[in-house]
Amino acid sequence: MNLRRWFAVLIFLTLAATGVVFWARPVSVFRVFNEAQMSLIGARSHYTSVNGYRIHYYVLGPENGSPVLLVHGLGGRAEDWEKLAPFLRKARYRVYLPDLPGFGQSERPTNFSYSVTDQSKIVVGFLDAMGLKQVDLGGWSMGGWIAQLVAANNPNRISRLMLFDSAGLYVKPEWDTRLFTPISPAEIEKLDKLLMPHPPNLPDFVTRDILRTSREHAWVMQRSLDTMLQGRETTDALLPQLKMRVFIVWGELDQITPLSEGEAIHRLIPQSQMDVVAGCGHLAPNECAKVIGPEVVRFLRQPSF
């Protein structure tokens, strides 16, 4: 009986401690949960050095599979591909999911510009570090902008290009970009409404911790935004020069990069094909992965030019 009582006390104390940690640092708990989910889908966590910076990445799928590299967006992380990546693994692709410098589990160097141009050089350096001569490349939002630059400047290394609700055109956002570094619960609510057609109602303690992490990472976000908003690295003139197959995937209800921007990219790339996903917003690759996943695999199975 004493052993049972001690065991019950231990369980109670463990649950209580977990509850306290979750209340104090819910964002950290969610991240641990996300990392566990990555393990469950067969992704393995690794680090490498790219241009002198410590870069974290996941890899999943058979070692002899055709390589696919996916680049997350502003404020994102490799785990954002958790719902889409299993479709590629099941189709026997070798999937690489790096965290860009400043994001996820990668280094946050103070001597890095965080411009899309310099991030594109990191992606190329990552290809070199992995020994990948040619890949199918995909990017989401800012990651799509980065992917466009990689494809335009390194056409022989990219077999096919996939753009998910991508930024990159010379278009001034109609929404307040300061929302990407929210400083109040009201700003978090506004950002969520821009990102998702049906945002969740967040408890106060979760909102509080999101604001804490936003303060910690605001300098990285601001550097990235400042360089993008200058309009010096836009891809309007580069897109017509692309020669590889291009797949454009867009959430119909996207308010961050509206559908009109996807349609403009489609017009600029004559050989591109486009899939508009009904009922989805800017987070389409996550929210609507069940619809998008099979289409991505179908695209990748097309012969390259």
C-alpha atoms as a PDB file:
ATOM      1  CA  MET A   1       0.000   0.000   0.000  1.00  0.00           C
ATOM      2  CA  ASN A   2       2.843   2.437   0.824  1.00  0.00           C
ATOM      3  CA  LEU A   3       4.358   1.826  -2.621  1.00  0.00           C
ATOM      4  CA  ARG A   4       1.011   2.532  -4.277  1.00  0.00           C
ATOM      5  CA  ARG A   5       0.613   5.737  -2.288  1.00  0.00           C
ATOM      6  CA  TRP A   6       4.088   6.922  -3.212  1.00  0.00           C
ATOM      7  CA  PHE A   7       3.386   6.078  -6.835  1.00  0.00           C
ATOM      8  CA  ALA A   8       0.120   8.040  -6.742  1.00  0.00           C
ATOM      9  CA  VAL A   9       1.898  11.006  -5.118  1.00  0.00           C
ATOM     10  CA  LEU A  10       4.607  10.852  -7.781  1.00  0.00           C
ATOM     11  CA  ILE A  11       2.022  10.895 -10.578  1.00  0.00           C
ATOM     12  CA  PHE A  12       0.217  13.810  -8.920  1.00  0.00           C
ATOM     13  CA  LEU A  13       3.416  15.811  -8.512  1.00  0.00           C
ATOM     14  CA  THR A  14       4.448  15.092 -12.105  1.00  0.00           C
ATOM     15  CA  LEU A  15       1.073  16.235 -13.441  1.00  0.00           C
ATOM     16  CA  ALA A  16       1.138  19.308 -11.222  1.00  0.00           C
ATOM     17  CA  ALA A  17       4.647  20.232 -12.372  1.00  0.00           C
ATOM     18  CA  THR A  18       3.649  19.715 -15.997  1.00  0.00           C
ATOM     19  CA  GLY A  19       0.630  21.938 -15.473  1.00  0.00           C
ATOM     20  CA  VAL A  20       2.775  24.678 -13.943  1.00  0.00           C
ATOM     21  CA  VAL A  21       5.287  24.509 -16.808  1.00  0.00           C
ATOM     22  CA  PHE A  22       2.483  24.589 -19.370  1.00  0.00           C
ATOM     23  CA  TRP A  23       0.872  27.601 -17.680  1.00  0.00           C
ATOM     24  CA  ALA A  24       4.202  29.453 -17.424  1.00  0.00           C
ATOM     25  CA  ARG A  25       5.692  28.549 -20.824  1.00  0.00           C
ATOM     26  CA  PRO A  26       2.983  27.135 -23.140  1.00  0.00           C
ATOM     27  CA  VAL A  27       4.893  28.117 -26.302  1.00  0.00           C
ATOM     28  CA  SER A  28       7.871  26.023 -25.198  1.00  0.00           C
ATOM     29  CA  VAL A  29       5.580  23.087 -24.422  1.00  0.00           C
ATOM     30  CA  PHE A  30       3.924  23.371 -27.840  1.00  0.00           C
ATOM     31  CA  ARG A  31       7.355  23.341 -29.477  1.00  0.00           C
ATOM     32  CA  VAL A  32       8.393  20.199 -27.609  1.00  0.00           C
ATOM     33  CA  PHE A  33       5.120  18.633 -28.739  1.00  0.00           C
ATOM     34  CA  ASN A  34       5.805  19.684 -32.349  1.00  0.00           C
ATOM     35  CA  GLU A  35       9.285  18.182 -32.193  1.00  0.00           C
ATOM     36  CA  ALA A  36       7.779  14.932 -30.880  1.00  0.00           C
ATOM     37  CA  GLN A  37       5.329  14.941 -33.780  1.00  0.00           C
ATOM     38  CA  MET A  38       8.223  15.273 -36.207  1.00  0.00           C
ATOM     39  CA  SER A  39       9.779  12.186 -34.683  1.00  0.00           C
ATOM     40  CA  LEU A  40       6.485  10.323 -35.057  1.00  0.00           C
ATOM     41  CA  ILE A  41       6.382  11.011 -38.809  1.00  0.00           C
ATOM     42  CA  GLY A  42       9.900   9.625 -39.142  1.00  0.00           C
ATOM     43  CA  ALA A  43      11.834  12.911 -39.275  1.00  0.00           C
ATOM     44  CA  ARG A  44      15.301  12.914 -37.751  1.00  0.00           C
ATOM     45  CA  SER A  45      16.812  16.059 -36.242  1.00  0.00           C
ATOM     46  CA  HIS A  46      20.364  17.085 -37.179  1.00  0.00           C
ATOM     47  CA  TYR A  47      22.693  20.078 -37.255  1.00  0.00           C
ATOM     48  CA  THR A  48      25.200  21.186 -39.864  1.00  0.00           C
ATOM     49  CA  SER A  49      27.389  24.216 -40.551  1.00  0.00           C
ATOM     50  CA  VAL A  50      26.494  26.480 -43.478  1.00  0.00           C
ATOM     51  CA  ASN A  51      28.650  29.513 -44.273  1.00  0.00           C
ATOM     52  CA  GLY A  52      29.894  29.443 -40.689  1.00  0.00           C
ATOM     53  CA  TYR A  53      26.426  29.298 -39.094  1.00  0.00           C
ATOM     54  CA  ARG A  54      24.927  26.395 -37.142  1.00  0.00           C
ATOM     55  CA  ILE A  55      21.846  25.222 -39.008  1.00  0.00           C
ATOM     56  CA  HIS A  56      19.248  22.786 -37.709  1.00  0.00           C
ATOM     57  CA  TYR A  57      17.313  20.563 -40.076  1.00  0.00           C
ATOM     58  CA  TYR A  58      15.074  17.514 -40.247  1.00  0.00           C
ATOM     59  CA  VAL A  59      15.363  14.773 -42.827  1.00  0.00           C
ATOM     60  CA  LEU A  60      12.898  11.983 -43.570  1.00  0.00           C
ATOM     61  CA  GLY A  61      12.219   9.439 -46.266  1.00  0.00           C
ATOM     62  CA  PRO A  62      14.454   6.769 -47.812  1.00  0.00           C
ATOM     63  CA  GLU A  63      18.125   7.635 -48.216  1.00  0.00           C
ATOM     64  CA  ASN A  64      18.001   6.747 -51.914  1.00  0.00           C
ATOM     65  CA  GLY A  65      14.868   8.821 -52.542  1.00  0.00           C
ATOM     66  CA  SER A  66      14.852  11.771 -54.908  1.00  0.00           C
ATOM     67  CA  PRO A  67      15.652  14.850 -52.769  1.00  0.00           C
ATOM     68  CA  VAL A  68      13.067  17.534 -51.981  1.00  0.00           C
ATOM     69  CA  LEU A  69      13.942  20.623 -49.944  1.00  0.00           C
ATOM     70  CA  LEU A  70      11.229  22.789 -48.347  1.00  0.00           C
ATOM     71  CA  VAL A  71      11.863  26.302 -46.973  1.00  0.00           C
ATOM     72  CA  HIS A  72       9.628  27.769 -44.259  1.00  0.00           C
ATOM     73  CA  GLY A  73       8.360  31.338 -44.105  1.00  0.00           C
ATOM     74  CA  LEU A  74       8.916  34.433 -41.956  1.00  0.00           C
ATOM     75  CA  GLY A  75       8.589  33.580 -38.281  1.00  0.00           C
ATOM     76  CA  GLY A  76       8.273  29.914 -39.226  1.00  0.00           C
ATOM     77  CA  ARG A  77      10.297  26.794 -38.575  1.00  0.00           C
ATOM     78  CA  ALA A  78      10.926  23.384 -40.102  1.00  0.00           C
ATOM     79  CA  GLU A  79       8.068  21.854 -38.086  1.00  0.00           C
ATOM     80  CA  ASP A  80       5.601  23.916 -40.133  1.00  0.00           C
ATOM     81  CA  TRP A  81       5.880  21.211 -42.843  1.00  0.00           C
ATOM     82  CA  GLU A  82       4.829  18.459 -40.434  1.00  0.00           C
ATOM     83  CA  LYS A  83       1.510  17.789 -42.161  1.00  0.00           C
ATOM     84  CA  LEU A  84       2.731  18.012 -45.768  1.00  0.00           C
ATOM     85  CA  ALA A  85       6.038  16.153 -45.455  1.00  0.00           C
ATOM     86  CA  PRO A  86       4.485  12.702 -44.802  1.00  0.00           C
ATOM     87  CA  PHE A  87       2.911  12.735 -48.277  1.00  0.00           C
ATOM     88  CA  LEU A  88       6.390  13.088 -49.764  1.00  0.00           C
ATOM     89  CA  ARG A  89       7.890  10.462 -47.474  1.00  0.00           C
ATOM     90  CA  LYS A  90       5.120   8.009 -48.385  1.00  0.00           C
ATOM     91  CA  ALA A  91       5.882   8.673 -52.073  1.00  0.00           C
ATOM     92  CA  ARG A  92       9.510   7.710 -51.251  1.00  0.00           C
ATOM     93  CA  TYR A  93      11.107  11.144 -51.566  1.00  0.00           C
ATOM     94  CA  ARG A  94      14.027  12.163 -49.373  1.00  0.00           C
ATOM     95  CA  VAL A  95      12.766  15.336 -47.667  1.00  0.00           C
ATOM     96  CA  TYR A  96      15.026  18.010 -46.158  1.00  0.00           C
ATOM     97  CA  LEU A  97      13.498  20.651 -43.850  1.00  0.00           C
ATOM     98  CA  PRO A  98      16.038  23.260 -42.683  1.00  0.00           C
ATOM     99  CA  ASP A  99      15.503  26.033 -40.161  1.00  0.00           C
ATOM    100  CA  LEU A 100      16.783  29.255 -41.686  1.00  0.00           C
ATOM    101  CA  PRO A 101      19.228  31.331 -39.596  1.00  0.00           C
ATOM    102  CA  GLY A 102      17.290  33.225 -36.943  1.00  0.00           C
ATOM    103  CA  PHE A 103      14.405  30.751 -36.844  1.00  0.00           C
ATOM    104  CA  GLY A 104      13.507  27.445 -35.269  1.00  0.00           C
ATOM    105  CA  GLN A 105      16.466  25.673 -33.701  1.00  0.00           C
ATOM    106  CA  SER A 106      19.109  27.303 -35.911  1.00  0.00           C
ATOM    107  CA  GLU A 107      21.598  29.898 -34.758  1.00  0.00           C
ATOM    108  CA  ARG A 108      20.494  33.540 -34.458  1.00  0.00           C
ATOM    109  CA  PRO A 109      23.669  35.379 -35.481  1.00  0.00           C
ATOM    110  CA  THR A 110      23.743  39.120 -34.841  1.00  0.00           C
ATOM    111  CA  ASN A 111      26.106  39.628 -37.792  1.00  0.00           C
ATOM    112  CA  PHE A 112      23.639  38.263 -40.375  1.00  0.00           C
ATOM    113  CA  SER A 113      21.470  40.527 -42.542  1.00  0.00           C
ATOM    114  CA  TYR A 114      18.382  38.236 -42.628  1.00  0.00           C
ATOM    115  CA  SER A 115      17.651  39.471 -46.151  1.00  0.00           C
ATOM    116  CA  VAL A 116      16.019  37.049 -48.582  1.00  0.00           C
ATOM    117  CA  THR A 117      19.146  37.236 -50.751  1.00  0.00           C
ATOM    118  CA  ASP A 118      21.433  36.149 -47.940  1.00  0.00           C
ATOM    119  CA  GLN A 119      18.932  33.502 -46.844  1.00  0.00           C
ATOM    120  CA  SER A 120      18.938  32.156 -50.420  1.00  0.00           C
ATOM    121  CA  LYS A 121      22.726  31.808 -50.153  1.00  0.00           C
ATOM    122  CA  ILE A 122      22.208  29.788 -46.971  1.00  0.00           C
ATOM    123  CA  VAL A 123      19.875  27.445 -48.867  1.00  0.00           C
ATOM    124  CA  VAL A 124      22.502  26.930 -51.581  1.00  0.00           C
ATOM    125  CA  GLY A 125      25.121  26.377 -48.892  1.00  0.00           C
ATOM    126  CA  PHE A 126      22.820  23.820 -47.282  1.00  0.00           C
ATOM    127  CA  LEU A 127      22.612  21.940 -50.588  1.00  0.00           C
ATOM    128  CA  ASP A 128      26.404  21.856 -50.641  1.00  0.00           C
ATOM    129  CA  ALA A 129      26.599  20.704 -47.019  1.00  0.00           C
ATOM    130  CA  MET A 130      24.192  17.834 -47.784  1.00  0.00           C
ATOM    131  CA  GLY A 131      26.030  16.937 -50.990  1.00  0.00           C
ATOM    132  CA  LEU A 132      22.920  17.587 -53.078  1.00  0.00           C
ATOM    133  CA  LYS A 133      23.724  18.506 -56.670  1.00  0.00           C
ATOM    134  CA  GLN A 134      20.088  18.908 -57.754  1.00  0.00           C
ATOM    135  CA  VAL A 135      16.778  18.986 -55.870  1.00  0.00           C
ATOM    136  CA  ASP A 136      13.111  19.750 -56.167  1.00  0.00           C
ATOM    137  CA  LEU A 137      12.702  22.968 -54.178  1.00  0.00           C
ATOM    138  CA  GLY A 138       9.650  24.371 -52.415  1.00  0.00           C
ATOM    139  CA  GLY A 139       9.083  27.509 -50.377  1.00  0.00           C
ATOM    140  CA  TRP A 140       6.225  28.945 -48.349  1.00  0.00           C
ATOM    141  CA  SER A 141       5.586  32.706 -48.046  1.00  0.00           C
ATOM    142  CA  MET A 142       9.015  34.331 -47.472  1.00  0.00           C
ATOM    143  CA  GLY A 143      10.457  30.868 -48.108  1.00  0.00           C
ATOM    144  CA  GLY A 144       8.865  30.979 -51.550  1.00  0.00           C
ATOM    145  CA  TRP A 145      10.616  34.275 -52.226  1.00  0.00           C
ATOM    146  CA  ILE A 146      13.903  32.699 -51.146  1.00  0.00           C
ATOM    147  CA  ALA A 147      13.210  29.655 -53.339  1.00  0.00           C
ATOM    148  CA  GLN A 148      12.578  31.898 -56.355  1.00  0.00           C
ATOM    149  CA  LEU A 149      15.987  33.516 -55.890  1.00  0.00           C
ATOM    150  CA  VAL A 150      17.699  30.139 -55.504  1.00  0.00           C
ATOM    151  CA  ALA A 151      16.039  28.842 -58.685  1.00  0.00           C
ATOM    152  CA  ALA A 152      16.802  31.986 -60.685  1.00  0.00           C
ATOM    153  CA  ASN A 153      20.456  32.136 -59.634  1.00  0.00           C
ATOM    154  CA  ASN A 154      21.133  28.378 -59.647  1.00  0.00           C
ATOM    155  CA  PRO A 155      18.893  26.963 -62.397  1.00  0.00           C
ATOM    156  CA  ASN A 156      20.996  23.827 -62.912  1.00  0.00           C
ATOM    157  CA  ARG A 157      20.464  22.776 -59.299  1.00  0.00           C
ATOM    158  CA  ILE A 158      16.666  22.973 -59.241  1.00  0.00           C
ATOM    159  CA  SER A 159      14.657  20.324 -61.114  1.00  0.00           C
ATOM    160  CA  ARG A 160      11.216  21.607 -60.150  1.00  0.00           C
ATOM    161  CA  LEU A 161      10.047  24.612 -58.135  1.00  0.00           C
ATOM    162  CA  MET A 162       7.034  24.777 -55.814  1.00  0.00           C
ATOM    163  CA  LEU A 163       5.667  28.053 -54.451  1.00  0.00           C
ATOM    164  CA  PHE A 164       3.158  27.987 -51.591  1.00  0.00           C
ATOM    165  CA  ASP A 165       1.378  31.315 -50.928  1.00  0.00           C
ATOM    166  CA  SER A 166       4.648  32.954 -51.865  1.00  0.00           C
ATOM    167  CA  ALA A 167       5.886  36.473 -51.407  1.00  0.00           C
ATOM    168  CA  GLY A 168       8.420  37.999 -53.783  1.00  0.00           C
ATOM    169  CA  LEU A 169       6.595  40.389 -56.092  1.00  0.00           C
ATOM    170  CA  TYR A 170       6.961  44.154 -55.910  1.00  0.00           C
ATOM    171  CA  VAL A 171       3.702  44.647 -54.016  1.00  0.00           C
ATOM    172  CA  LYS A 172       3.210  46.818 -50.952  1.00  0.00           C
ATOM    173  CA  PRO A 173       1.242  44.890 -48.282  1.00  0.00           C
ATOM    174  CA  GLU A 174      -2.195  46.301 -47.577  1.00  0.00           C
ATOM    175  CA  TRP A 175      -1.988  45.135 -43.960  1.00  0.00           C
ATOM    176  CA  ASP A 176       0.149  46.447 -41.121  1.00  0.00           C
ATOM    177  CA  THR A 177       3.452  44.535 -41.259  1.00  0.00           C
ATOM    178  CA  ARG A 178       4.136  45.470 -37.637  1.00  0.00           C
ATOM    179  CA  LEU A 179       1.652  42.748 -36.711  1.00  0.00           C
ATOM    180  CA  PHE A 180       4.421  40.208 -37.367  1.00  0.00           C
ATOM    181  CA  THR A 181       5.975  41.474 -34.118  1.00  0.00           C
ATOM    182  CA  PRO A 182       2.819  41.853 -32.004  1.00  0.00           C
ATOM    183  CA  ILE A 183       3.023  43.799 -28.759  1.00  0.00           C
ATOM    184  CA  SER A 184      -0.546  43.320 -27.476  1.00  0.00           C
ATOM    185  CA  PRO A 185      -3.275  40.653 -27.373  1.00  0.00           C
ATOM    186  CA  ALA A 186      -5.285  42.723 -29.871  1.00  0.00           C
ATOM    187  CA  GLU A 187      -2.424  42.601 -32.374  1.00  0.00           C
ATOM    188  CA  ILE A 188      -2.107  38.828 -31.979  1.00  0.00           C
ATOM    189  CA  GLU A 189      -5.816  38.525 -32.709  1.00  0.00           C
ATOM    190  CA  LYS A 190      -5.481  40.708 -35.821  1.00  0.00           C
ATOM    191  CA  LEU A 191      -2.496  38.680 -37.077  1.00  0.00           C
ATOM    192  CA  ASP A 192      -4.309  35.387 -36.540  1.00  0.00           C
ATOM    193  CA  LYS A 193      -7.283  36.675 -38.538  1.00  0.00           C
ATOM    194  CA  LEU A 194      -4.930  37.550 -41.391  1.00  0.00           C
ATOM    195  CA  LEU A 195      -3.257  34.141 -41.290  1.00  0.00           C
ATOM    196  CA  MET A 196      -6.299  31.901 -40.845  1.00  0.00           C
ATOM    197  CA  PRO A 197      -9.923  32.029 -42.005  1.00  0.00           C
ATOM    198  CA  HIS A 198     -11.009  30.529 -38.664  1.00  0.00           C
ATOM    199  CA  PRO A 199      -8.445  31.437 -35.981  1.00  0.00           C
ATOM    200  CA  PRO A 200      -8.654  29.758 -32.565  1.00  0.00           C
ATOM    201  CA  ASN A 201      -9.579  31.582 -29.384  1.00  0.00           C
ATOM    202  CA  LEU A 202      -6.351  31.651 -27.392  1.00  0.00           C
ATOM    203  CA  PRO A 203      -6.360  31.531 -23.573  1.00  0.00           C
ATOM    204  CA  ASP A 204      -4.828  34.552 -21.874  1.00  0.00           C
ATOM    205  CA  PHE A 205      -1.795  32.621 -20.598  1.00  0.00           C
ATOM    206  CA  VAL A 206      -0.980  31.447 -24.139  1.00  0.00           C
ATOM    207  CA  THR A 207      -1.321  34.977 -25.505  1.00  0.00           C
ATOM    208  CA  ARG A 208       0.976  36.253 -22.749  1.00  0.00           C
ATOM    209  CA  ASP A 209       3.693  33.748 -23.672  1.00  0.00           C
ATOM    210  CA  ILE A 210       3.373  34.470 -27.387  1.00  0.00           C
ATOM    211  CA  LEU A 211       4.029  38.127 -26.593  1.00  0.00           C
ATOM    212  CA  ARG A 212       7.079  37.128 -24.561  1.00  0.00           C
ATOM    213  CA  THR A 213       8.591  35.139 -27.433  1.00  0.00           C
ATOM    214  CA  SER A 214       7.654  37.909 -29.863  1.00  0.00           C
ATOM    215  CA  ARG A 215       9.719  40.387 -27.824  1.00  0.00           C
ATOM    216  CA  GLU A 216      12.681  37.997 -27.793  1.00  0.00           C
ATOM    217  CA  HIS A 217      12.683  37.452 -31.559  1.00  0.00           C
ATOM    218  CA  ALA A 218      11.438  40.851 -32.732  1.00  0.00           C
ATOM    219  CA  TRP A 219      14.895  41.981 -33.853  1.00  0.00           C
ATOM    220  CA  VAL A 220      15.218  39.070 -36.297  1.00  0.00           C
ATOM    221  CA  MET A 221      11.730  39.602 -37.663  1.00  0.00           C
ATOM    222  CA  GLN A 222      12.314  43.328 -38.043  1.00  0.00           C
ATOM    223  CA  ARG A 223      15.571  42.875 -39.931  1.00  0.00           C
ATOM    224  CA  SER A 224      13.869  40.466 -42.313  1.00  0.00           C
ATOM    225  CA  LEU A 225      10.884  42.751 -42.840  1.00  0.00           C
ATOM    226  CA  ASP A 226      13.023  45.859 -43.314  1.00  0.00           C
ATOM    227  CA  THR A 227      15.019  44.280 -46.135  1.00  0.00           C
ATOM    228  CA  MET A 228      11.925  42.856 -47.837  1.00  0.00           C
ATOM    229  CA  LEU A 229       9.961  46.094 -47.663  1.00  0.00           C
ATOM    230  CA  GLN A 230      12.775  48.003 -49.387  1.00  0.00           C
ATOM    231  CA  GLY A 231      11.722  46.272 -52.620  1.00  0.00           C
ATOM    232  CA  ARG A 232      15.300  45.765 -53.835  1.00  0.00           C
ATOM    233  CA  GLU A 233      15.156  41.971 -53.929  1.00  0.00           C
ATOM    234  CA  THR A 234      11.815  41.420 -55.640  1.00  0.00           C
ATOM    235  CA  THR A 235      11.536  38.768 -58.323  1.00  0.00           C
ATOM    236  CA  ASP A 236       9.175  40.250 -60.942  1.00  0.00           C
ATOM    237  CA  ALA A 237      11.941  40.458 -63.555  1.00  0.00           C
ATOM    238  CA  LEU A 238      13.414  37.060 -62.652  1.00  0.00           C
ATOM    239  CA  LEU A 239      10.303  34.894 -62.870  1.00  0.00           C
ATOM    240  CA  PRO A 240       9.909  34.954 -66.682  1.00  0.00           C
ATOM    241  CA  GLN A 241      13.481  33.645 -66.959  1.00  0.00           C
ATOM    242  CA  LEU A 242      12.750  30.435 -65.042  1.00  0.00           C
ATOM    243  CA  LYS A 243      12.888  27.343 -67.264  1.00  0.00           C
ATOM    244  CA  MET A 244      12.008  24.526 -64.840  1.00  0.00           C
ATOM    245  CA  ARG A 245       8.512  23.264 -64.082  1.00  0.00           C
ATOM    246  CA  VAL A 246       6.818  25.450 -61.468  1.00  0.00           C
ATOM    247  CA  PHE A 247       3.852  24.529 -59.278  1.00  0.00           C
ATOM    248  CA  ILE A 248       2.007  27.417 -57.612  1.00  0.00           C
ATOM    249  CA  VAL A 249      -0.241  26.501 -54.666  1.00  0.00           C
ATOM    250  CA  TRP A 250      -2.414  29.190 -53.097  1.00  0.00           C
ATOM    251  CA  GLY A 251      -5.004  29.449 -50.372  1.00  0.00           C
ATOM    252  CA  GLU A 252      -8.103  31.040 -51.868  1.00  0.00           C
ATOM    253  CA  LEU A 253      -8.661  33.180 -48.747  1.00  0.00           C
ATOM    254  CA  ASP A 254      -5.046  34.260 -48.199  1.00  0.00           C
ATOM    255  CA  GLN A 255      -4.874  37.816 -46.824  1.00  0.00           C
ATOM    256  CA  ILE A 256      -1.106  38.010 -46.277  1.00  0.00           C
ATOM    257  CA  THR A 257      -0.200  37.308 -49.912  1.00  0.00           C
ATOM    258  CA  PRO A 258      -3.591  37.568 -51.645  1.00  0.00           C
ATOM    259  CA  LEU A 259      -4.605  35.278 -54.485  1.00  0.00           C
ATOM    260  CA  SER A 260      -4.052  38.125 -56.951  1.00  0.00           C
ATOM    261  CA  GLU A 261      -0.303  37.841 -56.232  1.00  0.00           C
ATOM    262  CA  GLY A 262      -0.339  34.126 -56.982  1.00  0.00           C
ATOM    263  CA  GLU A 263      -2.156  34.778 -60.229  1.00  0.00           C
ATOM    264  CA  ALA A 264       0.433  37.418 -61.142  1.00  0.00           C
ATOM    265  CA  ILE A 265       3.264  34.941 -60.505  1.00  0.00           C
ATOM    266  CA  HIS A 266       1.413  32.408 -62.640  1.00  0.00           C
ATOM    267  CA  ARG A 267       1.235  34.902 -65.515  1.00  0.00           C
ATOM    268  CA  LEU A 268       4.937  35.728 -65.212  1.00  0.00           C
ATOM    269  CA  ILE A 269       5.981  32.059 -65.489  1.00  0.00           C
ATOM    270  CA  PRO A 270       4.515  30.690 -68.745  1.00  0.00           C
ATOM    271  CA  GLN A 271       5.276  27.034 -67.941  1.00  0.00           C
ATOM    272  CA  SER A 272       3.790  27.189 -64.426  1.00  0.00           C
ATOM    273  CA  GLN A 273       0.671  25.416 -63.249  1.00  0.00           C
ATOM    274  CA  MET A 274      -1.492  26.691 -60.423  1.00  0.00           C
ATOM    275  CA  ASP A 275      -3.737  25.086 -57.829  1.00  0.00           C
ATOM    276  CA  VAL A 276      -6.065  27.312 -55.793  1.00  0.00           C
ATOM    277  CA  VAL A 277      -7.181  25.641 -52.559  1.00  0.00           C
ATOM    278  CA  ALA A 278     -10.737  26.566 -51.585  1.00  0.00           C
ATOM    279  CA  GLY A 279     -11.443  27.595 -48.001  1.00  0.00           C
ATOM    280  CA  CYS A 280      -7.768  27.966 -47.053  1.00  0.00           C
ATOM    281  CA  GLY A 281      -5.716  30.998 -46.105  1.00  0.00           C
ATOM    282  CA  HIS A 282      -2.015  31.772 -45.866  1.00  0.00           C
ATOM    283  CA  LEU A 283      -1.356  28.620 -43.834  1.00  0.00           C
ATOM    284  CA  ALA A 284      -2.682  26.349 -46.586  1.00  0.00           C
ATOM    285  CA  PRO A 285       0.270  23.868 -46.578  1.00  0.00           C
ATOM    286  CA  ASN A 286      -0.556  23.157 -42.941  1.00  0.00           C
ATOM    287  CA  GLU A 287      -4.328  23.607 -42.743  1.00  0.00           C
ATOM    288  CA  CYS A 288      -5.105  21.964 -46.076  1.00  0.00           C
ATOM    289  CA  ALA A 289      -2.288  19.436 -46.408  1.00  0.00           C
ATOM    290  CA  LYS A 290      -4.736  16.604 -47.133  1.00  0.00           C
ATOM    291  CA  VAL A 291      -5.793  18.401 -50.299  1.00  0.00           C
ATOM    292  CA  ILE A 292      -2.388  19.786 -51.255  1.00  0.00           C
ATOM    293  CA  GLY A 293      -0.252  16.726 -50.507  1.00  0.00           C
ATOM    294  CA  PRO A 294      -1.493  14.460 -53.329  1.00  0.00           C
ATOM    295  CA  GLU A 295      -1.254  17.323 -55.825  1.00  0.00           C
ATOM    296  CA  VAL A 296       2.335  18.038 -54.833  1.00  0.00           C
ATOM    297  CA  VAL A 297       3.272  14.381 -55.310  1.00  0.00           C
ATOM    298  CA  ARG A 298       1.510  14.351 -58.679  1.00  0.00           C
ATOM    299  CA  PHE A 299       3.485  17.420 -59.751  1.00  0.00           C
ATOM    300  CA  LEU A 300       6.803  15.970 -58.604  1.00  0.00           C
ATOM    301  CA  ARG A 301       6.171  12.823 -60.611  1.00  0.00           C
ATOM    302  CA  GLN A 302       6.007  14.796 -63.826  1.00  0.00           C
ATOM    303  CA  PRO A 303       9.227  14.608 -65.877  1.00  0.00           C
ATOM    304  CA  SER A 304      11.512  17.602 -65.470  1.00  0.00           C
ATOM    305  CA  PHE A 305      12.345  19.759 -68.484  1.00  0.00           C
END
